[in-house]
Structure formats: C-alpha cells, structure tokens
Amino acid sequence: MKKLLFLLLIFTSFISFCQNVTAINIGKTDSVYSTILKEKRNLLIYLPENFDVNKKYPVVYLLDGKTNFHSFTGIISHLSNTDVIPEMIVVGILNTNRNRDFTPTYDSTNYDKSNGAGEVFTSFLEKELIPYIESKYPVAPYRIFVGHSLGGLLVVNTLLNHTPLFDSYIALDPSLWWDKMKLNKQAPKLLLEKKFKDKTLYLAMANSMPMGMSDTAMAKKDTTNATIGIRSVLLFHDVLVKEKNEDLRWAFKYYANERHGSVPLIGSYDALKFIFDFYLRPSFQKVTDSTARIFENHYKRVSTKMKYIVLPPEADISGMAWRCKVLEKNDKWAFSFLELYIKYYPNNPKAYEQMAQYYNDKGDSKKTEEYTKRAKELIAKQIK
C-alpha cells in the first residue's frame, strides 16, 4: 500500500511538473498548393526570436527541411544573436519525392524512374513558393539557397542555370556525380556565359574516400564508384578555379574529418560566416571624432551588399552613446551617437528620452523640455 501511495505521489508530481513546463517552439508550419507540381507542399517556417512584423528579413530556402531545419535554425539563432550575421527567416521545404525534385536531368540507370524533374521543382520555387513567401512574410530582397547531397546538386544547377533566383548559394557535399557528372561537363561553358555579379557560392566537401585512401589527389585519379562522390566535387572545384569568373564570389572547404552525413552542420556554420563576412560591425578599442562616422558608414556598406537598408541595432547605438558619455567622458562623441539614434529610429521614444537626458545633464532646460515632449508624444501615439 505504501509503495502504491509513493508511486501515485511521484506520478502526481510529474504531471504537475509537466503542466508548468513552457513549450519552446522554434518554428511554425505552413503549406502551399503547387499547380506546377500538382501537390501540396508542407513548409517549416523559422522566424527570428525578436521577430518584428515591421522589419524586413533575409530569407533562406532550405532543402530537406525535415532533416536540416533544427540544426540550421540553431546556427542562425546563435550567429545572429552574436551579430555575426543578420536575423533571418528560414523556409524549410519538406520532401515528397526527393529523387524526382532534386535531380536536374533524367538518368535512365537510376532505380527511381521518376527522377530528373529538378527543373520543374525550380519552376515551383520561382513561380509559386518564393512569391507566396514574399506575400505572407516580411522578407527582404536577399535570398539564400541551401542544399545537401542531391539538394546540393540542385543548388549548383540553380546557380549555373537560374543564377538570378538567389543571392547566395550553399552546396553541402553536392551529388555532382549524378548522370555521369553531366552538370560538371556543362559548368565551364555556363561559368563563361552567365553573369554572376553579386552572387556568392560556398562549396563544402566531405571526406567520402574509401578506407585506406587519405589523399584527395589519389581520389581524383581513381575511376571506381568508390570515389565518384568526392571526385565529382573535386572536379567542380577545378572548374571554378580554371574558369576564374571574377564576378562570382566563392569559397571551397574540404572537411577531412567529416563524412557525407555529418558535414551539413559545420558546413552551414562556415558558409554563413563566409557569406556575411562583411556584416559584423567593427569593434572600437579607442573612440575618436570619426568613430560615429565609421559606425554609420559600416551599415551603409552592409546595406549596399544586402540590397536593402540595414539599420544599426538600437542597442549598439545606445551602448556607444553611453560608452562615450560615461566611460570616455566625452559629450561631443556621445551627442554624435544620440543624433544617429534619432536619425535611424525617429519613432522610438527612447531615442528622445536619451537626448533629453543629455541636455538635462548639460543644464539646457529648453532642449530638455523639447525632447521630453517629443518622447511623450510618441509614447501616447503607441498607446493609441
């Protein structure tokens, strides 16, 4: 009897604990019916933690959404929270027939005879999915396409044959062996003919060499199916080097300690850092008369790269103003950053409150009243 009462107590405590646990959601579900594919396509949507419907966000289109969504959005969250990359919306596309959708050409030797409809799937992306996302979510005009394995094959095909569709392309150990490396054979001509201005490619290659082989040079010379995966990626890398398309910004990395299945995590992390290597604002060991101008010019350059206006984070502007006033004890520098705060966030009462405090400390009652009044007006407007 005592044992039964003890078990009931534990069970009751467990139920109570579960009721008090807050669910953590990293995404939401959505779907779109495709008349091109003649089927409903399910989506996983990741929105930034501090999502603001009035802001615009770059958008990532992620293939193999069910497999890659959790890890990829975790990377996005970590890197954006440390200001290494911008906050982004991620669209994870769930599969219905992966072999069909990700292969751009038909291979009669493949077991799945429905293969080779990659161009049709790309048409779905261009004409249906992207317009749907852009009509429903506040996305900026900066798009990234991410794929692994056969998904990586489609990413490379899209870069070469549908270049304008995305701004950046991440191909994670792509299956360029497909259809007797047909895409590799087409690549030299396409790289010469196409315009790749402002396009970025990150190419990740895993170590898929058979046991006993450790030299990629040996893999390139091999002719067996055991090395066809790594060999096809190495050959595409050679094409990129040989053709030297100056407009295409690209990077290649060989992950000797990663296999085909493990490379997406670290490859995605490195790819995002490469794509946005211009994003992280400079740190200032010393503040000078030009610091505010350097700060502002950085975000102007970022905006040019991203093709839309990227505002300096409020916390950064406010923080620099505080540093200048409290730590550097320089009112002139502090004022420069408070001006930027109001310039970029004219509807934020906090910007005017801080400027009012600045003038109050200076003993300027007229200016203090002016900025305090404006802050109160904005607060009242927000309440309505």
Protein backbone atom coordinates (compact mmCIF):
# COMPACT_ATOMS: atom_id res chain seq x y z
CA MET A 1 0.00 0.00 0.00
CA LYS A 2 2.84 2.38 0.94
CA LYS A 3 4.56 1.57 -2.36
CA LEU A 4 1.37 2.37 -4.30
CA LEU A 5 0.97 5.70 -2.48
CA PHE A 6 4.62 6.52 -3.20
CA LEU A 7 4.17 5.82 -6.95
CA LEU A 8 0.99 7.92 -7.03
CA LEU A 9 2.86 10.79 -5.38
CA ILE A 10 5.65 10.61 -7.96
CA PHE A 11 3.13 10.45 -10.82
CA THR A 12 1.19 13.44 -9.45
CA SER A 13 4.40 15.43 -9.07
CA PHE A 14 5.40 14.56 -12.65
CA ILE A 15 2.03 15.74 -14.01
CA SER A 16 2.34 18.95 -12.02
CA PHE A 17 5.86 19.49 -13.39
CA CYS A 18 4.73 18.93 -16.98
CA GLN A 19 1.89 21.40 -16.58
CA ASN A 20 4.35 24.08 -15.52
CA VAL A 21 6.84 23.48 -18.35
CA THR A 22 6.66 26.14 -21.05
CA ALA A 23 6.79 24.79 -24.59
CA ILE A 24 9.62 26.11 -26.72
CA ASN A 25 8.76 26.47 -30.39
CA ILE A 26 11.49 27.07 -32.94
CA GLY A 27 9.18 27.28 -35.92
CA LYS A 28 5.70 27.08 -37.35
CA THR A 29 4.11 25.01 -40.08
CA ASP A 30 2.78 26.37 -43.33
CA SER A 31 1.94 24.98 -46.74
CA VAL A 32 1.33 25.96 -50.32
CA TYR A 33 -0.50 24.10 -53.06
CA SER A 34 1.56 23.87 -56.23
CA THR A 35 -0.25 23.75 -59.54
CA ILE A 36 3.14 23.12 -61.18
CA LEU A 37 3.89 20.05 -59.06
CA LYS A 38 0.19 19.20 -58.69
CA GLU A 39 0.54 18.63 -54.96
CA LYS A 40 0.51 20.35 -51.59
CA ARG A 41 3.98 21.21 -50.23
CA ASN A 42 4.45 21.46 -46.49
CA LEU A 43 6.84 24.01 -45.01
CA LEU A 44 8.58 24.71 -41.72
CA ILE A 45 8.98 28.43 -41.05
CA TYR A 46 11.54 29.87 -38.63
CA LEU A 47 11.04 33.46 -37.52
CA PRO A 48 13.71 35.41 -35.57
CA GLU A 49 13.40 35.34 -31.79
CA ASN A 50 12.72 39.09 -31.70
CA PHE A 51 10.51 38.98 -34.77
CA ASP A 52 9.09 42.36 -35.74
CA VAL A 53 6.47 42.44 -38.48
CA ASN A 54 7.59 45.98 -39.34
CA LYS A 55 11.13 44.85 -40.18
CA LYS A 56 12.44 43.08 -43.28
CA TYR A 57 14.50 39.91 -43.03
CA PRO A 58 16.71 38.00 -45.49
CA VAL A 59 15.19 34.62 -46.26
CA VAL A 60 16.77 31.17 -46.50
CA TYR A 61 15.21 28.43 -48.62
CA LEU A 62 16.36 25.18 -47.06
CA LEU A 63 16.02 21.85 -48.86
CA ASP A 64 15.43 18.63 -46.89
CA GLY A 65 13.56 20.77 -44.39
CA LYS A 66 12.60 17.96 -42.02
CA THR A 67 16.20 16.75 -41.68
CA ASN A 68 18.04 20.07 -41.58
CA PHE A 69 15.60 22.55 -40.03
CA HIS A 70 16.55 22.17 -36.35
CA SER A 71 20.32 22.33 -36.84
CA PHE A 72 20.27 25.11 -39.41
CA THR A 73 17.94 27.38 -37.45
CA GLY A 74 20.07 26.77 -34.35
CA ILE A 75 23.09 28.09 -36.25
CA ILE A 76 21.09 31.09 -37.47
CA SER A 77 19.94 31.84 -33.93
CA HIS A 78 23.44 31.60 -32.46
CA LEU A 79 25.21 33.66 -35.13
CA SER A 80 22.52 36.35 -35.35
CA ASN A 81 22.34 36.74 -31.56
CA THR A 82 26.07 37.49 -31.59
CA ASP A 83 25.65 39.91 -34.54
CA VAL A 84 27.87 37.84 -36.84
CA ILE A 85 25.04 37.54 -39.37
CA PRO A 86 21.65 39.26 -39.69
CA GLU A 87 18.46 37.81 -38.27
CA MET A 88 16.76 35.74 -40.96
CA ILE A 89 13.59 33.90 -41.86
CA VAL A 90 14.13 30.24 -42.79
CA VAL A 91 11.78 28.30 -45.06
CA GLY A 92 12.33 24.57 -44.65
CA ILE A 93 10.84 22.69 -47.61
CA LEU A 94 9.62 19.20 -46.73
CA ASN A 95 10.06 16.43 -49.28
CA THR A 96 7.50 14.39 -51.16
CA ASN A 97 9.77 12.82 -53.80
CA ARG A 98 13.35 13.89 -53.18
CA ASN A 99 14.91 11.94 -56.05
CA ARG A 100 12.46 13.48 -58.50
CA ASP A 101 12.71 17.07 -57.30
CA PHE A 102 16.45 17.47 -56.76
CA THR A 103 17.82 15.86 -59.94
CA PRO A 104 18.02 18.32 -62.86
CA THR A 105 18.46 15.71 -65.60
CA TYR A 106 16.98 12.27 -66.22
CA ASP A 107 19.23 9.26 -65.58
CA SER A 108 17.80 6.06 -67.02
CA THR A 109 20.19 3.95 -64.92
CA ASN A 110 18.76 5.20 -61.61
CA TYR A 111 16.44 2.91 -59.66
CA ASP A 112 13.81 5.66 -59.33
CA LYS A 113 12.41 6.25 -62.80
CA SER A 114 10.64 9.43 -61.68
CA ASN A 115 13.98 11.23 -61.42
CA GLY A 116 15.03 14.23 -63.47
CA ALA A 117 12.30 16.76 -62.61
CA GLY A 118 14.61 19.25 -60.92
CA GLU A 119 13.80 21.95 -63.47
CA VAL A 120 10.11 21.54 -62.70
CA PHE A 121 10.83 21.90 -58.98
CA THR A 122 12.90 25.01 -59.68
CA SER A 123 9.94 26.44 -61.56
CA PHE A 124 7.83 25.78 -58.45
CA LEU A 125 10.38 27.69 -56.34
CA GLU A 126 10.48 30.64 -58.71
CA LYS A 127 6.84 30.97 -59.67
CA GLU A 128 4.97 29.72 -56.63
CA LEU A 129 6.94 29.30 -53.41
CA ILE A 130 9.02 32.48 -53.46
CA PRO A 131 6.03 34.71 -54.42
CA TYR A 132 3.97 33.04 -51.67
CA ILE A 133 6.62 33.65 -49.00
CA GLU A 134 7.16 37.23 -50.15
CA SER A 135 3.43 37.95 -49.99
CA LYS A 136 2.95 36.50 -46.50
CA TYR A 137 6.17 37.23 -44.59
CA PRO A 138 8.23 40.44 -44.23
CA VAL A 139 11.21 39.28 -46.24
CA ALA A 140 13.96 41.46 -47.64
CA PRO A 141 15.18 41.12 -51.25
CA TYR A 142 18.07 38.86 -50.21
CA ARG A 143 17.64 35.12 -50.72
CA ILE A 144 19.88 32.17 -49.83
CA PHE A 145 19.51 28.64 -51.22
CA VAL A 146 20.84 25.71 -49.18
CA GLY A 147 21.07 22.05 -50.12
CA HIS A 148 22.94 18.89 -49.10
CA SER A 149 23.77 15.87 -51.27
CA LEU A 150 21.15 15.74 -54.05
CA GLY A 151 19.89 19.03 -52.64
CA GLY A 152 23.39 20.41 -53.17
CA LEU A 153 23.23 19.20 -56.76
CA LEU A 154 20.07 21.25 -57.27
CA VAL A 155 21.73 24.27 -55.61
CA VAL A 156 24.65 24.13 -58.08
CA ASN A 157 22.28 23.63 -61.00
CA THR A 158 20.25 26.64 -59.90
CA LEU A 159 23.38 28.77 -59.59
CA LEU A 160 24.53 27.84 -63.10
CA ASN A 161 21.20 27.80 -64.92
CA HIS A 162 18.94 30.13 -62.89
CA THR A 163 21.53 32.49 -61.48
CA PRO A 164 19.30 35.49 -60.58
CA LEU A 165 16.95 33.42 -58.43
CA PHE A 166 19.09 33.64 -55.28
CA ASP A 167 21.84 35.90 -53.99
CA SER A 168 23.86 33.24 -52.18
CA TYR A 169 24.16 29.50 -52.70
CA ILE A 170 25.31 26.89 -50.17
CA ALA A 171 26.13 23.47 -51.67
CA LEU A 172 26.96 20.92 -48.97
CA ASP A 173 28.80 17.92 -50.43
CA PRO A 174 26.66 18.07 -53.59
CA SER A 175 25.95 14.90 -55.56
CA LEU A 176 27.65 16.15 -58.71
CA TRP A 177 28.24 12.55 -59.75
CA TRP A 178 24.63 12.48 -60.93
CA ASP A 179 24.00 11.45 -64.57
CA LYS A 180 27.69 10.77 -65.31
CA MET A 181 28.70 14.17 -63.92
CA LYS A 182 26.67 15.94 -66.59
CA LEU A 183 26.49 19.22 -64.68
CA ASN A 184 30.28 19.26 -64.28
CA LYS A 185 30.61 18.92 -68.04
CA GLN A 186 28.22 21.83 -68.61
CA ALA A 187 29.79 24.05 -65.94
CA PRO A 188 32.76 25.53 -67.89
CA LYS A 189 30.54 26.93 -70.64
CA LEU A 190 27.93 28.23 -68.17
CA LEU A 191 30.53 29.92 -65.98
CA LEU A 192 31.83 31.77 -69.05
CA GLU A 193 28.42 32.77 -70.40
CA LYS A 194 26.45 33.66 -67.27
CA LYS A 195 26.64 36.86 -65.25
CA PHE A 196 27.38 36.24 -61.58
CA LYS A 197 27.69 39.79 -60.29
CA ASP A 198 26.89 39.97 -56.56
CA LYS A 199 26.45 36.19 -56.36
CA THR A 200 28.11 34.05 -53.69
CA LEU A 201 28.76 30.30 -53.56
CA TYR A 202 30.01 28.22 -50.65
CA LEU A 203 31.05 24.69 -51.62
CA ALA A 204 31.63 22.18 -48.81
CA MET A 205 33.15 18.74 -49.44
CA ALA A 206 33.14 15.84 -47.01
CA ASN A 207 35.64 13.01 -46.81
CA SER A 208 33.88 10.18 -48.62
CA MET A 209 37.02 8.34 -49.68
CA PRO A 210 37.07 4.57 -49.02
CA MET A 211 39.08 3.12 -46.15
CA GLY A 212 42.78 3.10 -46.86
CA MET A 213 42.68 6.19 -49.09
CA SER A 214 43.61 9.52 -47.49
CA ASP A 215 44.88 11.61 -50.37
CA THR A 216 42.39 13.59 -52.47
CA ALA A 217 44.88 13.54 -55.36
CA MET A 218 44.53 9.75 -55.39
CA ALA A 219 40.76 10.08 -55.37
CA LYS A 220 40.85 12.36 -58.43
CA LYS A 221 42.84 9.74 -60.37
CA ASP A 222 40.65 6.86 -59.29
CA THR A 223 37.96 5.64 -61.69
CA THR A 224 35.84 3.43 -59.43
CA ASN A 225 32.43 4.18 -57.97
CA ALA A 226 34.01 4.19 -54.51
CA THR A 227 35.40 7.69 -55.13
CA ILE A 228 32.82 9.11 -57.52
CA GLY A 229 31.24 11.32 -54.84
CA ILE A 230 34.35 13.16 -53.70
CA ARG A 231 35.83 13.06 -57.20
CA SER A 232 32.85 14.88 -58.69
CA VAL A 233 33.11 17.71 -56.16
CA LEU A 234 36.89 18.00 -56.68
CA LEU A 235 36.37 18.26 -60.42
CA PHE A 236 33.77 21.02 -59.99
CA HIS A 237 36.21 22.86 -57.73
CA ASP A 238 38.83 22.59 -60.50
CA VAL A 239 36.35 24.09 -62.96
CA LEU A 240 35.75 27.04 -60.64
CA VAL A 241 39.49 27.62 -60.34
CA LYS A 242 40.17 27.25 -64.07
CA GLU A 243 37.36 29.45 -65.36
CA LYS A 244 38.12 32.26 -62.86
CA ASN A 245 34.81 34.07 -63.20
CA GLU A 246 35.72 37.33 -61.46
CA ASP A 247 32.10 38.24 -60.66
CA LEU A 248 31.32 35.06 -58.73
CA ARG A 249 32.46 35.23 -55.11
CA TRP A 250 33.05 31.72 -53.90
CA ALA A 251 34.82 29.61 -51.30
CA PHE A 252 35.60 25.91 -51.09
CA LYS A 253 36.45 23.88 -47.99
CA TYR A 254 37.36 20.24 -47.62
CA TYR A 255 36.27 18.75 -44.30
CA ALA A 256 38.69 15.87 -43.90
CA ASN A 257 37.20 14.81 -40.56
CA GLU A 258 33.55 14.87 -41.68
CA ARG A 259 31.59 12.26 -43.59
CA HIS A 260 28.78 12.89 -46.06
CA GLY A 261 26.10 12.80 -43.37
CA SER A 262 27.87 14.95 -40.78
CA VAL A 263 29.16 17.79 -42.97
CA PRO A 264 25.92 19.88 -43.18
CA LEU A 265 26.20 21.21 -39.62
CA ILE A 266 29.74 22.58 -39.70
CA GLY A 267 29.50 23.37 -43.42
CA SER A 268 26.41 25.54 -42.89
CA TYR A 269 28.08 27.36 -40.00
CA ASP A 270 31.18 28.17 -42.05
CA ALA A 271 29.10 29.06 -45.12
CA LEU A 272 27.01 31.65 -43.29
CA LYS A 273 30.12 33.24 -41.78
CA PHE A 274 31.69 33.43 -45.24
CA ILE A 275 28.60 34.86 -46.92
CA PHE A 276 28.23 37.56 -44.26
CA ASP A 277 31.90 38.28 -43.58
CA PHE A 278 31.08 41.96 -44.18
CA TYR A 279 28.27 42.10 -41.62
CA LEU A 280 29.92 42.19 -38.19
CA ARG A 281 30.46 45.80 -37.20
CA PRO A 282 33.98 46.89 -36.29
CA SER A 283 34.90 46.97 -32.63
CA PHE A 284 36.40 50.17 -31.30
CA GLN A 285 39.33 49.86 -28.94
CA LYS A 286 39.51 53.63 -28.86
CA VAL A 287 36.81 56.19 -29.61
CA THR A 288 37.70 59.23 -31.73
CA ASP A 289 35.94 62.08 -33.50
CA SER A 290 35.41 59.78 -36.51
CA THR A 291 34.00 56.75 -34.65
CA ALA A 292 30.33 57.65 -35.22
CA ARG A 293 31.01 58.21 -38.93
CA ILE A 294 32.84 54.87 -39.24
CA PHE A 295 29.95 53.20 -37.41
CA GLU A 296 27.37 54.72 -39.75
CA ASN A 297 29.40 54.01 -42.91
CA HIS A 298 29.70 50.36 -41.93
CA TYR A 299 25.92 49.92 -42.11
CA LYS A 300 25.77 51.84 -45.37
CA ARG A 301 28.20 49.29 -46.85
CA VAL A 302 26.17 46.43 -45.39
CA SER A 303 23.02 47.92 -46.94
CA THR A 304 24.73 48.10 -50.34
CA LYS A 305 25.74 44.44 -50.08
CA MET A 306 22.30 43.31 -48.92
CA LYS A 307 20.44 45.49 -51.45
CA TYR A 308 18.13 46.99 -48.81
CA ILE A 309 18.53 49.37 -45.89
CA VAL A 310 20.07 47.67 -42.85
CA LEU A 311 19.75 49.84 -39.75
CA PRO A 312 22.35 49.84 -36.97
CA PRO A 313 20.93 47.94 -33.96
CA GLU A 314 19.38 50.21 -31.36
CA ALA A 315 21.36 48.56 -28.58
CA ASP A 316 24.63 49.29 -30.39
CA ILE A 317 23.86 52.97 -30.93
CA SER A 318 22.60 53.46 -27.39
CA GLY A 319 25.51 51.49 -25.99
CA MET A 320 28.07 53.58 -27.86
CA ALA A 321 26.41 56.79 -26.67
CA TRP A 322 26.60 55.52 -23.08
CA ARG A 323 30.24 54.49 -23.51
CA CYS A 324 31.18 57.91 -24.88
CA LYS A 325 29.43 59.76 -22.08
CA VAL A 326 30.15 57.57 -19.06
CA LEU A 327 33.41 55.79 -19.86
CA GLU A 328 35.09 58.18 -22.29
CA LYS A 329 33.54 61.26 -20.62
CA ASN A 330 33.21 62.97 -23.99
CA ASP A 331 29.86 64.72 -24.55
CA LYS A 332 30.67 65.53 -28.17
CA TRP A 333 31.08 61.88 -29.11
CA ALA A 334 28.01 60.90 -27.10
CA PHE A 335 25.95 63.51 -28.93
CA SER A 336 27.06 62.12 -32.32
CA PHE A 337 25.62 58.71 -31.44
CA LEU A 338 22.43 60.15 -29.96
CA GLU A 339 21.92 62.01 -33.25
CA LEU A 340 22.28 58.69 -35.08
CA TYR A 341 19.76 57.11 -32.71
CA ILE A 342 17.12 59.70 -33.61
CA LYS A 343 18.08 59.64 -37.28
CA TYR A 344 17.56 55.89 -37.66
CA TYR A 345 14.77 55.44 -35.10
CA PRO A 346 12.70 58.64 -35.37
CA ASN A 347 9.60 56.97 -33.94
CA ASN A 348 11.25 55.46 -30.89
CA PRO A 349 10.60 57.45 -27.69
CA LYS A 350 13.74 56.01 -26.07
CA ALA A 351 15.93 57.91 -28.53
CA TYR A 352 14.33 61.21 -27.49
CA GLU A 353 14.42 60.30 -23.80
CA GLN A 354 18.16 59.75 -24.01
CA MET A 355 18.67 63.02 -25.87
CA ALA A 356 16.55 64.79 -23.24
CA GLN A 357 18.76 63.32 -20.52
CA TYR A 358 21.81 64.51 -22.41
CA TYR A 359 20.53 68.11 -22.45
CA ASN A 360 19.36 67.86 -18.86
CA ASP A 361 22.90 66.95 -17.81
CA LYS A 362 24.13 69.94 -19.82
CA GLY A 363 21.71 72.23 -17.97
CA ASP A 364 19.78 73.14 -21.13
CA SER A 365 16.19 73.17 -19.85
CA LYS A 366 14.69 74.32 -23.18
CA LYS A 367 16.17 71.44 -25.16
CA THR A 368 15.38 69.01 -22.35
CA GLU A 369 11.72 70.02 -22.47
CA GLU A 370 11.65 69.81 -26.28
CA TYR A 371 12.92 66.22 -26.43
CA THR A 372 10.91 65.12 -23.40
CA LYS A 373 7.76 66.42 -25.04
CA ARG A 374 8.52 64.53 -28.24
CA ALA A 375 9.14 61.30 -26.30
CA LYS A 376 5.79 61.65 -24.50
CA GLU A 377 4.00 62.28 -27.82
CA LEU A 378 5.44 59.08 -29.28
CA ILE A 379 4.53 57.09 -26.17
CA ALA A 380 0.95 58.40 -26.32
CA LYS A 381 0.77 57.50 -30.01
CA GLN A 382 1.93 53.96 -29.30
CA ILE A 383 -0.71 53.53 -26.58
CA LYS A 384 -3.47 54.50 -29.03
